[in-house]
Amino acid sequence: MELAILIVCILLLGVSLYGNYNLMKQNEVLEDQVTALQDVLDEIKDQVVDINTRLTEIDIKGSFEADDEVGFVFKEIREMANELSDVINEMYE
């Protein structure tokens, strides 16, 4: 009887070790994916900041924003860039 309990315990230990090993490997893969995704988000954030800076430099005199047709498109582009910047900043909080 004691031998049967010992064998069951050894089998359960082996199954547990195998399961934990697989979970550890999956966790490492997910950590690598998260790190890669963070790098991509950092790059996107830098590009959005650069776009906002360029838009400000381009329209330093306000001439694009004042024009009716061009101004509408310019304002929409600026709003989209600001919204994207806000979304990215929320991700980092």
C-alpha atoms as a PDB file:
ATOM      1  CA  MET A   1       0.000   0.000   0.000  1.00  0.00           C
ATOM      2  CA  GLU A   2       2.796   2.401   0.918  1.00  0.00           C
ATOM      3  CA  LEU A   3       4.567   1.573  -2.334  1.00  0.00           C
ATOM      4  CA  ALA A   4       1.454   2.468  -4.334  1.00  0.00           C
ATOM      5  CA  ILE A   5       1.165   5.834  -2.576  1.00  0.00           C
ATOM      6  CA  LEU A   6       4.862   6.495  -3.200  1.00  0.00           C
ATOM      7  CA  ILE A   7       4.483   5.664  -6.914  1.00  0.00           C
ATOM      8  CA  VAL A   8       1.430   7.935  -7.221  1.00  0.00           C
ATOM      9  CA  CYS A   9       3.319  10.760  -5.490  1.00  0.00           C
ATOM     10  CA  ILE A  10       6.303  10.318  -7.803  1.00  0.00           C
ATOM     11  CA  LEU A  11       4.024  10.344 -10.866  1.00  0.00           C
ATOM     12  CA  LEU A  12       2.239  13.492  -9.641  1.00  0.00           C
ATOM     13  CA  LEU A  13       5.592  15.144  -8.987  1.00  0.00           C
ATOM     14  CA  GLY A  14       6.755  14.277 -12.508  1.00  0.00           C
ATOM     15  CA  VAL A  15       3.557  15.648 -14.073  1.00  0.00           C
ATOM     16  CA  SER A  16       3.850  18.797 -11.961  1.00  0.00           C
ATOM     17  CA  LEU A  17       7.484  19.335 -12.965  1.00  0.00           C
ATOM     18  CA  TYR A  18       6.646  18.841 -16.632  1.00  0.00           C
ATOM     19  CA  GLY A  19       3.719  21.280 -16.400  1.00  0.00           C
ATOM     20  CA  ASN A  20       5.797  23.896 -14.598  1.00  0.00           C
ATOM     21  CA  TYR A  21       8.585  23.593 -17.163  1.00  0.00           C
ATOM     22  CA  ASN A  22       6.126  24.126 -20.024  1.00  0.00           C
ATOM     23  CA  LEU A  23       4.580  27.130 -18.276  1.00  0.00           C
ATOM     24  CA  MET A  24       8.026  28.629 -17.721  1.00  0.00           C
ATOM     25  CA  LYS A  25       8.882  28.254 -21.427  1.00  0.00           C
ATOM     26  CA  GLN A  26       5.580  29.861 -22.460  1.00  0.00           C
ATOM     27  CA  ASN A  27       6.199  32.718 -20.031  1.00  0.00           C
ATOM     28  CA  GLU A  28       9.645  33.346 -21.520  1.00  0.00           C
ATOM     29  CA  VAL A  29       8.189  33.476 -25.034  1.00  0.00           C
ATOM     30  CA  LEU A  30       5.512  35.939 -23.917  1.00  0.00           C
ATOM     31  CA  GLU A  31       8.095  38.113 -22.160  1.00  0.00           C
ATOM     32  CA  ASP A  32      10.115  38.266 -25.379  1.00  0.00           C
ATOM     33  CA  GLN A  33       6.994  39.280 -27.314  1.00  0.00           C
ATOM     34  CA  VAL A  34       6.139  41.991 -24.786  1.00  0.00           C
ATOM     35  CA  THR A  35       9.675  43.368 -24.978  1.00  0.00           C
ATOM     36  CA  ALA A  36       9.486  43.471 -28.776  1.00  0.00           C
ATOM     37  CA  LEU A  37       6.098  45.181 -28.610  1.00  0.00           C
ATOM     38  CA  GLN A  38       7.448  47.778 -26.192  1.00  0.00           C
ATOM     39  CA  ASP A  39      10.284  48.525 -28.607  1.00  0.00           C
ATOM     40  CA  VAL A  40       7.774  49.029 -31.424  1.00  0.00           C
ATOM     41  CA  LEU A  41       5.635  51.297 -29.233  1.00  0.00           C
ATOM     42  CA  ASP A  42       8.710  53.333 -28.285  1.00  0.00           C
ATOM     43  CA  GLU A  43       9.504  53.795 -31.960  1.00  0.00           C
ATOM     44  CA  ILE A  44       5.915  54.812 -32.745  1.00  0.00           C
ATOM     45  CA  LYS A  45       5.932  57.246 -29.839  1.00  0.00           C
ATOM     46  CA  ASP A  46       9.132  58.853 -31.116  1.00  0.00           C
ATOM     47  CA  GLN A  47       7.629  59.157 -34.599  1.00  0.00           C
ATOM     48  CA  VAL A  48       4.435  60.768 -33.258  1.00  0.00           C
ATOM     49  CA  VAL A  49       6.465  63.280 -31.263  1.00  0.00           C
ATOM     50  CA  ASP A  50       8.498  64.010 -34.397  1.00  0.00           C
ATOM     51  CA  ILE A  51       5.321  64.463 -36.458  1.00  0.00           C
ATOM     52  CA  ASN A  52       3.874  66.901 -33.914  1.00  0.00           C
ATOM     53  CA  THR A  53       7.135  68.836 -33.902  1.00  0.00           C
ATOM     54  CA  ARG A  54       7.225  68.963 -37.701  1.00  0.00           C
ATOM     55  CA  LEU A  55       3.597  70.092 -37.899  1.00  0.00           C
ATOM     56  CA  THR A  56       4.341  72.903 -35.477  1.00  0.00           C
ATOM     57  CA  GLU A  57       7.443  73.919 -37.445  1.00  0.00           C
ATOM     58  CA  ILE A  58       5.601  73.818 -40.768  1.00  0.00           C
ATOM     59  CA  ASP A  59       2.786  76.030 -39.565  1.00  0.00           C
ATOM     60  CA  ILE A  60       4.837  78.403 -37.459  1.00  0.00           C
ATOM     61  CA  LYS A  61       3.083  81.408 -39.014  1.00  0.00           C
ATOM     62  CA  GLY A  62      -0.357  79.811 -38.962  1.00  0.00           C
ATOM     63  CA  SER A  63      -0.824  80.134 -42.711  1.00  0.00           C
ATOM     64  CA  PHE A  64      -1.893  76.512 -43.239  1.00  0.00           C
ATOM     65  CA  GLU A  65      -4.354  76.607 -40.390  1.00  0.00           C
ATOM     66  CA  ALA A  66      -5.878  79.861 -41.642  1.00  0.00           C
ATOM     67  CA  ASP A  67      -6.563  78.543 -45.166  1.00  0.00           C
ATOM     68  CA  ASP A  68     -10.066  77.048 -45.410  1.00  0.00           C
ATOM     69  CA  GLU A  69      -9.413  73.883 -47.417  1.00  0.00           C
ATOM     70  CA  VAL A  70      -5.814  73.264 -46.426  1.00  0.00           C
ATOM     71  CA  GLY A  71      -6.545  74.345 -42.874  1.00  0.00           C
ATOM     72  CA  PHE A  72      -9.254  71.717 -42.448  1.00  0.00           C
ATOM     73  CA  VAL A  73      -6.937  68.906 -43.556  1.00  0.00           C
ATOM     74  CA  PHE A  74      -4.064  70.332 -41.517  1.00  0.00           C
ATOM     75  CA  LYS A  75      -6.218  70.512 -38.382  1.00  0.00           C
ATOM     76  CA  GLU A  76      -7.443  66.943 -38.899  1.00  0.00           C
ATOM     77  CA  ILE A  77      -3.889  65.655 -39.288  1.00  0.00           C
ATOM     78  CA  ARG A  78      -2.828  67.519 -36.153  1.00  0.00           C
ATOM     79  CA  GLU A  79      -5.823  66.154 -34.189  1.00  0.00           C
ATOM     80  CA  MET A  80      -5.085  62.575 -35.291  1.00  0.00           C
ATOM     81  CA  ALA A  81      -1.442  62.953 -34.282  1.00  0.00           C
ATOM     82  CA  ASN A  82      -2.473  64.350 -30.892  1.00  0.00           C
ATOM     83  CA  GLU A  83      -4.991  61.540 -30.331  1.00  0.00           C
ATOM     84  CA  LEU A  84      -2.375  58.933 -31.213  1.00  0.00           C
ATOM     85  CA  SER A  85       0.078  60.622 -28.872  1.00  0.00           C
ATOM     86  CA  ASP A  86      -2.525  60.552 -26.073  1.00  0.00           C
ATOM     87  CA  VAL A  87      -3.214  56.859 -26.618  1.00  0.00           C
ATOM     88  CA  ILE A  88       0.482  56.016 -26.511  1.00  0.00           C
ATOM     89  CA  ASN A  89       0.999  58.137 -23.384  1.00  0.00           C
ATOM     90  CA  GLU A  90      -1.906  56.315 -21.676  1.00  0.00           C
ATOM     91  CA  MET A  91      -0.204  52.997 -22.434  1.00  0.00           C
ATOM     92  CA  TYR A  92       2.910  54.131 -20.575  1.00  0.00           C
ATOM     93  CA  GLU A  93       1.032  55.261 -17.463  1.00  0.00           C
END
